[in-house]
Amino acid sequence: MKKIGLIFGGISNEYEVSVISAGNVIKNFDYKKYKLVLLFWAKNGNFYLVKDIVQRNAIKKEVKIEEFKKYFDIALPMTHGKYGEDGVLQAILESQKIKYCGCKVLSSALCMDKAVFKTFLAGQKIKQVKFKIIYNKILSQGELRKIKENFKLPIFVKPANSGSSVGITKVKDFKQLNSALRGAFKHDSKVIIEQGIEKPREIEVAILGNDKLIISEPGEVIPYNDFYDYDDKYKLNKTKLIIPAKLLQKQVNEIKAMAQKAYSLCDCRGFSRLDFLLKNDSVYLSEINTLPGFTKNSMYPLLMINKALNYKGLINKIIELAG
């Protein structure tokens, strides 16, 4: 029986989401097929073997990176955000010649860094909203004037490397811009300014596979707040999730085709969630999430699970795709 190392926790600001995702995997794991090993990545950067996620800080045995292979055959990371989702953990696992679920080092890094991701996709003619990369924490009057000339309100200010909508501000007045930049720069050394779209529909698609892909029907997120922020995703539970989304067939076809193209261009593997904005007949790709959440409200499992594939089966498929 193969041993699966479920890695959770991490040192990003999405630590709590990771723990919740891991709990859901534990609840739906196929214990008849695999042995589950829990590897807790503590905020101090160390890894520990633990017996359960609740008592993770009480009963633990530290495990060095070079010892991973003694304890598990395949790694199943549920580590969201920096270091867990951006290629760092993936590189650690590859250095130890351990198979793992999800995207490889380069595709993980590419999809996590919004500045690099958007620049790459712009060259591939994938439709996105207008964006600008900012490196200066405080804009000069000249820079501010250029942004006012090239962008209409509202705009979004985002850290380049952050997930779960952490550090994002919707700017409705240019007087807020420097404050929004300061907030975003707390999370990263570069920031993205994106053109906002008035009342867009937020559409998401789940993909499972390496070469032969299973692409879900699109789902729609109707946020309680102004946009789908961290509180909406994990705290308020007031967001409406509509699966499948009420779309015209031509819109479904366009979204799924764009999802497949972007997934392949970015060399994604295993599983990912792709987020889109839809306004009238225009579809814009927002991001690819290479380690999507697995909480009870997370869109990836909700989109992928159907009559032919239950939660346990989905986890098994993800493990089978490990490389």
Protein backbone atom coordinates (compact mmCIF):
# COMPACT_ATOMS: atom_id res chain seq x y z
CA MET A 1 0.00 0.00 0.00
CA LYS A 2 1.48 3.33 -1.07
CA LYS A 3 1.95 6.04 1.53
CA ILE A 4 0.60 9.50 0.71
CA GLY A 5 2.16 12.46 2.50
CA LEU A 6 -0.50 15.14 3.00
CA ILE A 7 1.50 18.36 3.46
CA PHE A 8 -0.40 21.20 5.12
CA GLY A 9 0.18 24.43 7.05
CA GLY A 10 3.04 26.45 5.62
CA ILE A 11 4.50 29.86 6.28
CA SER A 12 2.24 31.98 4.08
CA ASN A 13 -0.70 34.10 5.17
CA GLU A 14 -2.99 31.32 3.85
CA TYR A 15 -1.94 28.92 6.61
CA GLU A 16 -5.46 28.56 8.06
CA VAL A 17 -7.01 27.84 4.67
CA SER A 18 -4.42 25.10 4.16
CA VAL A 19 -5.35 23.47 7.47
CA ILE A 20 -9.07 23.53 6.58
CA SER A 21 -8.34 22.07 3.12
CA ALA A 22 -6.28 19.29 4.70
CA GLY A 23 -9.12 18.48 7.09
CA ASN A 24 -11.48 18.00 4.17
CA VAL A 25 -9.02 15.72 2.40
CA ILE A 26 -8.60 13.62 5.58
CA LYS A 27 -12.39 13.28 5.84
CA ASN A 28 -12.71 12.05 2.24
CA PHE A 29 -9.50 10.03 1.90
CA ASP A 30 -9.54 6.45 0.55
CA TYR A 31 -7.95 4.57 3.45
CA LYS A 32 -8.57 1.21 1.75
CA LYS A 33 -6.34 2.20 -1.16
CA TYR A 34 -3.60 4.30 0.47
CA LYS A 35 -1.97 4.93 3.82
CA LEU A 36 -2.18 8.60 4.84
CA VAL A 37 0.80 10.32 6.48
CA LEU A 38 0.27 13.85 7.86
CA LEU A 39 3.20 16.24 7.42
CA PHE A 40 2.65 19.56 9.17
CA TRP A 41 4.66 22.52 7.84
CA ALA A 42 4.93 24.82 10.85
CA LYS A 43 5.26 28.59 10.70
CA ASN A 44 8.87 28.26 11.89
CA GLY A 45 9.63 26.53 8.57
CA ASN A 46 10.14 23.05 10.02
CA PHE A 47 8.23 19.92 9.02
CA TYR A 48 6.64 17.60 11.58
CA LEU A 49 4.90 14.25 11.46
CA VAL A 50 1.61 14.57 13.34
CA LYS A 51 -1.26 12.23 14.19
CA ASP A 52 -4.06 14.69 13.45
CA ILE A 53 -4.54 18.30 12.44
CA VAL A 54 -6.29 19.33 15.67
CA GLN A 55 -3.39 18.24 17.91
CA ARG A 56 -0.73 19.26 15.41
CA ASN A 57 1.15 21.45 17.90
CA ALA A 58 1.05 18.94 20.76
CA ILE A 59 2.21 15.61 19.33
CA LYS A 60 4.86 15.87 16.65
CA LYS A 61 8.15 14.50 15.39
CA GLU A 62 10.41 16.77 13.35
CA VAL A 63 11.31 15.43 9.92
CA LYS A 64 14.23 16.76 7.88
CA ILE A 65 13.68 17.30 4.16
CA GLU A 66 16.17 14.56 3.31
CA GLU A 67 14.09 12.14 5.42
CA PHE A 68 10.80 12.67 3.54
CA LYS A 69 11.28 9.58 1.39
CA LYS A 70 11.39 7.33 4.46
CA TYR A 71 7.84 8.31 5.40
CA PHE A 72 5.86 8.63 2.16
CA ASP A 73 5.94 7.72 -1.55
CA ILE A 74 3.81 10.51 -3.02
CA ALA A 75 3.27 14.03 -1.68
CA LEU A 76 -0.17 15.64 -1.76
CA PRO A 77 0.40 19.34 -1.00
CA MET A 78 -2.50 21.36 0.41
CA THR A 79 -0.26 24.38 0.92
CA HIS A 80 -1.73 27.59 -0.45
CA GLY A 81 0.16 30.81 -1.13
CA LYS A 82 3.85 31.69 -0.95
CA TYR A 83 6.37 28.88 -0.64
CA GLY A 84 3.68 26.19 -0.87
CA GLU A 85 2.14 27.06 -4.22
CA ASP A 86 4.84 29.03 -6.03
CA GLY A 87 7.31 26.28 -6.89
CA VAL A 88 9.36 26.34 -3.67
CA LEU A 89 7.82 23.25 -2.05
CA GLN A 90 7.67 21.59 -5.46
CA ALA A 91 11.42 22.14 -5.91
CA ILE A 92 12.09 20.68 -2.44
CA LEU A 93 10.13 17.55 -3.37
CA GLU A 94 11.89 17.22 -6.72
CA SER A 95 15.28 17.57 -5.02
CA GLN A 96 14.36 14.47 -3.00
CA LYS A 97 13.04 12.65 -6.10
CA ILE A 98 9.56 12.40 -4.57
CA LYS A 99 6.49 12.27 -6.80
CA TYR A 100 3.90 14.92 -5.97
CA CYS A 101 0.42 15.98 -6.99
CA GLY A 102 -0.18 19.14 -8.96
CA CYS A 103 1.83 21.46 -11.17
CA LYS A 104 5.60 21.30 -11.55
CA VAL A 105 8.09 23.93 -10.37
CA LEU A 106 8.03 26.26 -13.38
CA SER A 107 4.28 26.24 -13.98
CA SER A 108 3.63 26.74 -10.24
CA ALA A 109 5.96 29.76 -10.18
CA LEU A 110 4.55 31.18 -13.42
CA CYS A 111 0.92 30.99 -12.33
CA MET A 112 1.62 32.35 -8.84
CA ASP A 113 3.41 35.50 -10.02
CA LYS A 114 0.65 37.62 -11.54
CA ALA A 115 3.16 39.99 -13.18
CA VAL A 116 5.00 37.21 -15.02
CA PHE A 117 1.78 35.27 -15.69
CA LYS A 118 -0.01 38.25 -17.24
CA THR A 119 3.02 39.28 -19.30
CA PHE A 120 3.40 35.72 -20.63
CA LEU A 121 -0.29 35.34 -21.53
CA ALA A 122 -0.37 38.75 -23.21
CA GLY A 123 2.25 37.41 -25.62
CA GLN A 124 0.05 34.35 -26.24
CA LYS A 125 -2.99 36.46 -27.16
CA ILE A 126 -5.08 35.31 -24.18
CA LYS A 127 -7.64 38.01 -23.41
CA GLN A 128 -7.10 39.78 -20.07
CA VAL A 129 -8.09 43.09 -18.54
CA LYS A 130 -5.60 45.94 -18.93
CA PHE A 131 -2.83 45.80 -16.31
CA LYS A 132 0.32 47.57 -15.16
CA ILE A 133 3.18 46.28 -13.00
CA ILE A 134 4.30 48.63 -10.20
CA TYR A 135 7.67 48.40 -8.44
CA ASN A 136 7.66 51.69 -6.50
CA LYS A 137 5.91 51.81 -3.14
CA ILE A 138 4.98 55.47 -3.57
CA LEU A 139 4.07 56.81 -6.99
CA SER A 140 5.41 60.12 -8.24
CA GLN A 141 2.96 62.70 -9.54
CA GLY A 142 4.00 61.82 -13.09
CA GLU A 143 3.35 58.11 -12.56
CA LEU A 144 0.02 58.83 -10.92
CA ARG A 145 -0.97 61.05 -13.85
CA LYS A 146 -0.15 58.26 -16.35
CA ILE A 147 -2.32 55.81 -14.43
CA LYS A 148 -5.20 58.30 -14.39
CA GLU A 149 -4.81 58.74 -18.16
CA ASN A 150 -4.69 55.01 -18.94
CA PHE A 151 -7.13 53.53 -16.41
CA LYS A 152 -10.73 54.27 -15.52
CA LEU A 153 -12.13 53.79 -12.04
CA PRO A 154 -12.59 51.36 -10.45
CA ILE A 155 -9.18 49.68 -10.52
CA PHE A 156 -7.81 46.79 -8.49
CA VAL A 157 -4.47 46.84 -6.70
CA LYS A 158 -3.02 43.38 -6.02
CA PRO A 159 0.23 41.92 -4.68
CA ALA A 160 1.90 40.04 -7.55
CA ASN A 161 2.41 36.91 -5.43
CA SER A 162 -0.52 36.29 -3.14
CA GLY A 163 -3.52 34.00 -3.17
CA SER A 164 -7.01 33.88 -1.63
CA SER A 165 -7.46 37.59 -2.51
CA VAL A 166 -5.07 38.60 0.31
CA GLY A 167 -3.88 42.23 0.08
CA ILE A 168 -6.27 43.24 -2.72
CA THR A 169 -7.99 46.64 -2.73
CA LYS A 170 -10.72 47.89 -5.04
CA VAL A 171 -9.87 51.56 -5.65
CA LYS A 172 -12.85 53.80 -6.41
CA ASP A 173 -11.03 57.13 -6.00
CA PHE A 174 -7.46 57.85 -7.14
CA LYS A 175 -6.84 59.46 -3.74
CA GLN A 176 -6.92 55.89 -2.35
CA LEU A 177 -4.23 54.62 -4.70
CA ASN A 178 -1.08 55.20 -2.64
CA SER A 179 -2.80 53.72 0.43
CA ALA A 180 -3.84 50.66 -1.60
CA LEU A 181 -0.28 50.29 -2.89
CA ARG A 182 1.11 50.40 0.65
CA GLY A 183 -1.30 47.63 1.64
CA ALA A 184 -0.34 45.47 -1.33
CA PHE A 185 3.40 46.06 -0.85
CA LYS A 186 3.12 44.58 2.64
CA HIS A 187 2.67 41.23 0.88
CA ASP A 188 5.11 41.53 -2.02
CA SER A 189 7.89 43.53 -3.69
CA LYS A 190 5.83 44.19 -6.82
CA VAL A 191 2.19 45.03 -7.34
CA ILE A 192 -0.32 44.78 -10.18
CA ILE A 193 -2.83 47.46 -11.11
CA GLU A 194 -5.77 46.01 -13.06
CA GLN A 195 -8.56 47.74 -14.88
CA GLY A 196 -11.80 47.05 -13.06
CA ILE A 197 -14.93 46.03 -14.94
CA GLU A 198 -18.26 47.30 -13.70
CA LYS A 199 -20.38 44.45 -12.36
CA PRO A 200 -18.72 41.53 -14.17
CA ARG A 201 -19.79 37.94 -13.69
CA GLU A 202 -17.12 35.87 -11.93
CA ILE A 203 -16.82 32.48 -13.62
CA GLU A 204 -14.62 29.55 -12.57
CA VAL A 205 -13.61 26.30 -14.26
CA ALA A 206 -11.88 23.24 -12.78
CA ILE A 207 -9.46 21.10 -14.79
CA LEU A 208 -8.19 17.62 -13.91
CA GLY A 209 -5.49 15.85 -15.90
CA ASN A 210 -2.05 15.90 -17.48
CA ASP A 211 -2.45 15.22 -21.20
CA LYS A 212 -6.04 14.00 -21.34
CA LEU A 213 -8.05 16.71 -19.57
CA ILE A 214 -11.37 16.67 -17.77
CA ILE A 215 -12.79 20.20 -17.89
CA SER A 216 -15.73 21.00 -15.64
CA GLU A 217 -18.77 22.97 -16.64
CA PRO A 218 -18.27 26.61 -15.59
CA GLY A 219 -19.57 27.74 -12.21
CA GLU A 220 -20.42 31.27 -11.11
CA VAL A 221 -19.44 33.08 -7.93
CA ILE A 222 -21.79 35.85 -6.77
CA PRO A 223 -19.88 37.58 -3.95
CA TYR A 224 -21.62 39.16 -0.99
CA ASN A 225 -19.04 41.97 -0.93
CA ASP A 226 -17.87 44.22 -3.76
CA PHE A 227 -15.66 41.44 -5.07
CA TYR A 228 -14.70 37.88 -4.08
CA ASP A 229 -12.27 38.76 -1.26
CA TYR A 230 -10.74 36.69 1.56
CA ASP A 231 -13.67 37.23 3.95
CA ASP A 232 -16.15 36.24 1.24
CA LYS A 233 -14.22 33.06 0.50
CA TYR A 234 -13.57 31.80 4.02
CA LYS A 235 -15.41 33.74 6.74
CA LEU A 236 -18.80 35.18 5.83
CA ASN A 237 -20.31 32.19 4.00
CA LYS A 238 -22.69 34.58 2.24
CA THR A 239 -21.32 34.14 -1.26
CA LYS A 240 -23.63 32.36 -3.73
CA LEU A 241 -22.09 29.58 -5.81
CA ILE A 242 -24.07 28.62 -8.90
CA ILE A 243 -23.07 25.29 -10.47
CA PRO A 244 -23.40 25.10 -13.40
CA ALA A 245 -23.42 28.79 -14.28
CA LYS A 246 -26.36 30.04 -16.32
CA LEU A 247 -24.57 30.79 -19.58
CA LEU A 248 -25.24 30.61 -23.30
CA GLN A 249 -23.67 27.55 -24.92
CA LYS A 250 -21.34 29.74 -27.00
CA GLN A 251 -20.09 31.37 -23.77
CA VAL A 252 -19.51 27.95 -22.19
CA ASN A 253 -17.58 26.83 -25.29
CA GLU A 254 -15.41 29.96 -25.32
CA ILE A 255 -14.62 29.77 -21.59
CA LYS A 256 -13.73 26.06 -21.73
CA ALA A 257 -11.59 26.53 -24.85
CA MET A 258 -9.73 29.43 -23.23
CA ALA A 259 -9.27 27.40 -20.04
CA GLN A 260 -7.81 24.45 -21.96
CA LYS A 261 -5.47 26.69 -23.96
CA ALA A 262 -4.17 28.55 -20.88
CA TYR A 263 -3.75 25.32 -18.87
CA SER A 264 -1.69 23.80 -21.68
CA LEU A 265 0.35 26.94 -22.41
CA CYS A 266 1.33 27.20 -18.74
CA ASP A 267 2.21 23.47 -18.70
CA CYS A 268 -0.16 22.80 -15.81
CA ARG A 269 -0.41 19.25 -14.50
CA GLY A 270 -2.72 17.35 -12.21
CA PHE A 271 -5.35 19.86 -11.22
CA SER A 272 -6.00 23.61 -11.29
CA ARG A 273 -8.84 26.12 -11.11
CA LEU A 274 -9.10 28.90 -13.68
CA ASP A 275 -10.91 32.15 -12.91
CA PHE A 276 -12.57 34.38 -15.49
CA LEU A 277 -14.48 37.65 -15.71
CA LEU A 278 -17.44 37.84 -18.06
CA LYS A 279 -19.00 41.09 -19.25
CA ASN A 280 -21.61 40.86 -21.99
CA ASP A 281 -19.85 38.71 -24.62
CA SER A 282 -16.29 39.46 -23.49
CA VAL A 283 -14.39 36.79 -21.52
CA TYR A 284 -11.21 37.70 -19.63
CA LEU A 285 -8.86 35.24 -17.91
CA SER A 286 -7.98 36.41 -14.40
CA GLU A 287 -5.72 33.69 -13.01
CA ILE A 288 -4.82 30.03 -12.74
CA ASN A 289 -4.80 28.64 -9.21
CA THR A 290 -2.47 25.63 -9.23
CA LEU A 291 -3.30 24.50 -5.69
CA PRO A 292 -6.96 25.47 -5.27
CA GLY A 293 -8.67 25.27 -1.91
CA PHE A 294 -10.32 22.05 -0.78
CA THR A 295 -12.57 23.48 1.93
CA LYS A 296 -16.26 22.54 1.96
CA ASN A 297 -17.05 25.81 0.13
CA SER A 298 -14.14 25.65 -2.35
CA MET A 299 -15.11 25.81 -5.99
CA TYR A 300 -12.61 23.28 -7.34
CA PRO A 301 -14.09 20.16 -5.71
CA LEU A 302 -17.63 21.50 -6.06
CA LEU A 303 -17.13 21.96 -9.81
CA MET A 304 -15.39 18.64 -10.37
CA ILE A 305 -17.58 16.33 -8.26
CA ASN A 306 -20.58 14.90 -10.12
CA LYS A 307 -22.52 11.65 -10.53
CA ALA A 308 -19.48 9.93 -12.06
CA LEU A 309 -16.86 11.22 -9.60
CA ASN A 310 -17.28 11.60 -5.83
CA TYR A 311 -14.91 13.39 -3.43
CA LYS A 312 -12.93 10.24 -2.63
CA GLY A 313 -12.64 9.44 -6.32
CA LEU A 314 -11.41 12.96 -7.08
CA ILE A 315 -8.61 12.68 -4.51
CA ASN A 316 -7.67 9.26 -5.93
CA LYS A 317 -7.50 10.72 -9.46
CA ILE A 318 -5.26 13.57 -8.28
CA ILE A 319 -2.92 11.06 -6.61
CA GLU A 320 -2.85 8.87 -9.74
CA LEU A 321 -1.78 11.91 -11.81
CA ALA A 322 1.24 12.63 -9.56
CA GLY A 323 4.61 12.82 -11.27
